[in-house]
Amino acid sequence: MQVTTRMLGWTMVPLLAALAGCGEAATDQAAASGDQTMAESGAAAQVAKLTPEQRNGVFEKAIRDSGVACPTVTASERADIRPGVKGWKAQCDNDSAHLIEITPDGTAKVTSRTY
């Protein structure tokens, strides 16, 4: 098994802006729940507000832009990327799985598990 991490920058920002549209200001969910993780802000908060279909589309693009094959993201769920950092686990229909961290500036860090 090989694990590859790639960062994508500016390619995510226009897509996120188009999909997320206008929304409410991000709230400090971590403080309200007593969770020790940092509250999401910026692009990460916008991704969290997307519908599952929109979010999976964003993740498909991020995974493909990282150079890994992913015909379709079939599911995505919250995941701990590392201690204190929340992200997403995306499952593709070709049985590949990917961890995706969205930084506040819209950069997507994709860590892929390939065989």
C-alpha atoms as a PDB file:
ATOM      1  CA  MET A   1       0.000   0.000   0.000  1.00  0.00           C
ATOM      2  CA  GLN A   2       1.293   3.434  -0.898  1.00  0.00           C
ATOM      3  CA  VAL A   3       0.199   6.691   0.696  1.00  0.00           C
ATOM      4  CA  THR A   4       0.566   9.911  -1.289  1.00  0.00           C
ATOM      5  CA  THR A   5      -0.165  13.424  -0.081  1.00  0.00           C
ATOM      6  CA  ARG A   6      -0.639  16.281  -2.520  1.00  0.00           C
ATOM      7  CA  MET A   7      -1.650  19.877  -1.983  1.00  0.00           C
ATOM      8  CA  LEU A   8      -3.893  21.804  -4.322  1.00  0.00           C
ATOM      9  CA  GLY A   9      -4.149  25.550  -4.100  1.00  0.00           C
ATOM     10  CA  TRP A  10      -6.024  28.031  -6.181  1.00  0.00           C
ATOM     11  CA  THR A  11      -7.971  25.380  -8.125  1.00  0.00           C
ATOM     12  CA  MET A  12     -10.284  24.777  -5.178  1.00  0.00           C
ATOM     13  CA  VAL A  13     -11.163  28.404  -4.371  1.00  0.00           C
ATOM     14  CA  PRO A  14     -13.334  29.220  -7.440  1.00  0.00           C
ATOM     15  CA  LEU A  15     -15.136  25.896  -7.205  1.00  0.00           C
ATOM     16  CA  LEU A  16     -15.845  26.361  -3.521  1.00  0.00           C
ATOM     17  CA  ALA A  17     -17.070  29.895  -4.043  1.00  0.00           C
ATOM     18  CA  ALA A  18     -19.396  28.811  -6.832  1.00  0.00           C
ATOM     19  CA  LEU A  19     -20.845  25.899  -4.877  1.00  0.00           C
ATOM     20  CA  ALA A  20     -21.050  27.475  -1.447  1.00  0.00           C
ATOM     21  CA  GLY A  21     -22.626  30.785  -2.415  1.00  0.00           C
ATOM     22  CA  CYS A  22     -23.651  33.040   0.415  1.00  0.00           C
ATOM     23  CA  GLY A  23     -24.079  31.554   3.850  1.00  0.00           C
ATOM     24  CA  GLU A  24     -24.083  32.415   7.496  1.00  0.00           C
ATOM     25  CA  ALA A  25     -20.892  33.228   9.333  1.00  0.00           C
ATOM     26  CA  ALA A  26     -19.004  30.248  10.725  1.00  0.00           C
ATOM     27  CA  THR A  27     -19.717  29.537  14.355  1.00  0.00           C
ATOM     28  CA  ASP A  28     -17.324  28.276  16.954  1.00  0.00           C
ATOM     29  CA  GLN A  29     -18.737  24.765  17.043  1.00  0.00           C
ATOM     30  CA  ALA A  30     -15.759  23.376  18.913  1.00  0.00           C
ATOM     31  CA  ALA A  31     -16.179  25.775  21.836  1.00  0.00           C
ATOM     32  CA  ALA A  32     -19.916  25.157  21.995  1.00  0.00           C
ATOM     33  CA  SER A  33     -19.519  21.387  22.114  1.00  0.00           C
ATOM     34  CA  GLY A  34     -16.498  21.346  24.405  1.00  0.00           C
ATOM     35  CA  ASP A  35     -14.468  19.660  21.651  1.00  0.00           C
ATOM     36  CA  GLN A  36     -10.727  20.305  21.740  1.00  0.00           C
ATOM     37  CA  THR A  37     -10.374  20.593  17.947  1.00  0.00           C
ATOM     38  CA  MET A  38     -10.184  23.995  16.298  1.00  0.00           C
ATOM     39  CA  ALA A  39     -13.356  25.386  14.761  1.00  0.00           C
ATOM     40  CA  GLU A  40     -13.423  25.403  10.985  1.00  0.00           C
ATOM     41  CA  SER A  41     -13.297  28.674   9.154  1.00  0.00           C
ATOM     42  CA  GLY A  42     -12.964  29.948   5.611  1.00  0.00           C
ATOM     43  CA  ALA A  43     -13.185  27.380   2.849  1.00  0.00           C
ATOM     44  CA  ALA A  44     -13.278  24.444   5.305  1.00  0.00           C
ATOM     45  CA  ALA A  45     -16.467  25.827   6.862  1.00  0.00           C
ATOM     46  CA  GLN A  46     -17.970  26.379   3.405  1.00  0.00           C
ATOM     47  CA  VAL A  47     -17.267  22.776   2.400  1.00  0.00           C
ATOM     48  CA  ALA A  48     -18.903  21.533   5.609  1.00  0.00           C
ATOM     49  CA  LYS A  49     -22.094  23.450   4.685  1.00  0.00           C
ATOM     50  CA  LEU A  50     -22.384  21.913   1.193  1.00  0.00           C
ATOM     51  CA  THR A  51     -24.917  19.213   0.408  1.00  0.00           C
ATOM     52  CA  PRO A  52     -23.392  15.710   0.234  1.00  0.00           C
ATOM     53  CA  GLU A  53     -23.678  15.749  -3.569  1.00  0.00           C
ATOM     54  CA  GLN A  54     -21.919  19.118  -3.880  1.00  0.00           C
ATOM     55  CA  ARG A  55     -19.239  18.122  -1.364  1.00  0.00           C
ATOM     56  CA  ASN A  56     -18.569  14.843  -3.189  1.00  0.00           C
ATOM     57  CA  GLY A  57     -18.185  16.798  -6.436  1.00  0.00           C
ATOM     58  CA  VAL A  58     -15.632  19.113  -4.807  1.00  0.00           C
ATOM     59  CA  PHE A  59     -13.757  16.088  -3.468  1.00  0.00           C
ATOM     60  CA  GLU A  60     -13.799  14.350  -6.886  1.00  0.00           C
ATOM     61  CA  LYS A  61     -12.138  17.391  -8.436  1.00  0.00           C
ATOM     62  CA  ALA A  62      -9.564  17.660  -5.638  1.00  0.00           C
ATOM     63  CA  ILE A  63      -8.661  13.972  -5.905  1.00  0.00           C
ATOM     64  CA  ARG A  64      -8.399  14.060  -9.696  1.00  0.00           C
ATOM     65  CA  ASP A  65      -6.337  17.276  -9.573  1.00  0.00           C
ATOM     66  CA  SER A  66      -3.912  15.470  -7.255  1.00  0.00           C
ATOM     67  CA  GLY A  67      -3.236  13.010 -10.075  1.00  0.00           C
ATOM     68  CA  VAL A  68      -5.124  10.037  -8.638  1.00  0.00           C
ATOM     69  CA  ALA A  69      -7.920   8.237 -10.484  1.00  0.00           C
ATOM     70  CA  CYS A  70     -11.359   8.682  -8.950  1.00  0.00           C
ATOM     71  CA  PRO A  71     -14.222   8.229 -11.401  1.00  0.00           C
ATOM     72  CA  THR A  72     -16.867   9.156  -8.808  1.00  0.00           C
ATOM     73  CA  VAL A  73     -16.871   9.893  -5.086  1.00  0.00           C
ATOM     74  CA  THR A  74     -19.625   7.643  -3.753  1.00  0.00           C
ATOM     75  CA  ALA A  75     -19.473   8.731  -0.100  1.00  0.00           C
ATOM     76  CA  SER A  76     -17.741  11.178   2.190  1.00  0.00           C
ATOM     77  CA  GLU A  77     -17.669  11.422   5.947  1.00  0.00           C
ATOM     78  CA  ARG A  78     -15.928  13.431   8.649  1.00  0.00           C
ATOM     79  CA  ALA A  79     -12.563  12.081   9.727  1.00  0.00           C
ATOM     80  CA  ASP A  80      -9.681  13.027  11.987  1.00  0.00           C
ATOM     81  CA  ILE A  81      -6.761  13.873   9.713  1.00  0.00           C
ATOM     82  CA  ARG A  82      -4.374  14.154  12.653  1.00  0.00           C
ATOM     83  CA  PRO A  83      -4.834  15.151  16.314  1.00  0.00           C
ATOM     84  CA  GLY A  84      -6.895  18.348  16.452  1.00  0.00           C
ATOM     85  CA  VAL A  85      -7.483  18.544  12.690  1.00  0.00           C
ATOM     86  CA  LYS A  86     -10.803  17.478  11.175  1.00  0.00           C
ATOM     87  CA  GLY A  87     -11.219  16.710   7.518  1.00  0.00           C
ATOM     88  CA  TRP A  88     -13.045  14.253   5.316  1.00  0.00           C
ATOM     89  CA  LYS A  89     -12.661  10.678   4.141  1.00  0.00           C
ATOM     90  CA  ALA A  90     -13.829  10.264   0.550  1.00  0.00           C
ATOM     91  CA  GLN A  91     -14.583   6.865  -0.975  1.00  0.00           C
ATOM     92  CA  CYS A  92     -14.392   6.458  -4.758  1.00  0.00           C
ATOM     93  CA  ASP A  93     -16.227   3.894  -6.858  1.00  0.00           C
ATOM     94  CA  ASN A  94     -12.887   2.344  -7.874  1.00  0.00           C
ATOM     95  CA  ASP A  95     -12.354   1.259  -4.215  1.00  0.00           C
ATOM     96  CA  SER A  96      -9.772   3.958  -3.510  1.00  0.00           C
ATOM     97  CA  ALA A  97     -10.048   6.011  -0.322  1.00  0.00           C
ATOM     98  CA  HIS A  98      -8.691   9.490   0.343  1.00  0.00           C
ATOM     99  CA  LEU A  99      -8.308  11.828   3.309  1.00  0.00           C
ATOM    100  CA  ILE A 100      -8.942  15.468   2.451  1.00  0.00           C
ATOM    101  CA  GLU A 101      -8.075  18.468   4.589  1.00  0.00           C
ATOM    102  CA  ILE A 102      -9.421  21.833   3.454  1.00  0.00           C
ATOM    103  CA  THR A 103      -7.361  24.706   4.818  1.00  0.00           C
ATOM    104  CA  PRO A 104      -8.962  28.120   5.475  1.00  0.00           C
ATOM    105  CA  ASP A 105      -7.460  29.533   2.262  1.00  0.00           C
ATOM    106  CA  GLY A 106      -9.071  26.831   0.103  1.00  0.00           C
ATOM    107  CA  THR A 107      -6.054  24.561  -0.293  1.00  0.00           C
ATOM    108  CA  ALA A 108      -6.996  20.884  -0.425  1.00  0.00           C
ATOM    109  CA  LYS A 109      -4.484  18.448   1.028  1.00  0.00           C
ATOM    110  CA  VAL A 110      -5.285  15.025  -0.419  1.00  0.00           C
ATOM    111  CA  THR A 111      -3.743  11.916   1.109  1.00  0.00           C
ATOM    112  CA  SER A 112      -4.496   8.870  -1.042  1.00  0.00           C
ATOM    113  CA  ARG A 113      -4.264   5.197  -0.275  1.00  0.00           C
ATOM    114  CA  THR A 114      -3.381   3.246  -3.402  1.00  0.00           C
ATOM    115  CA  TYR A 115      -2.443  -0.411  -3.909  1.00  0.00           C
END
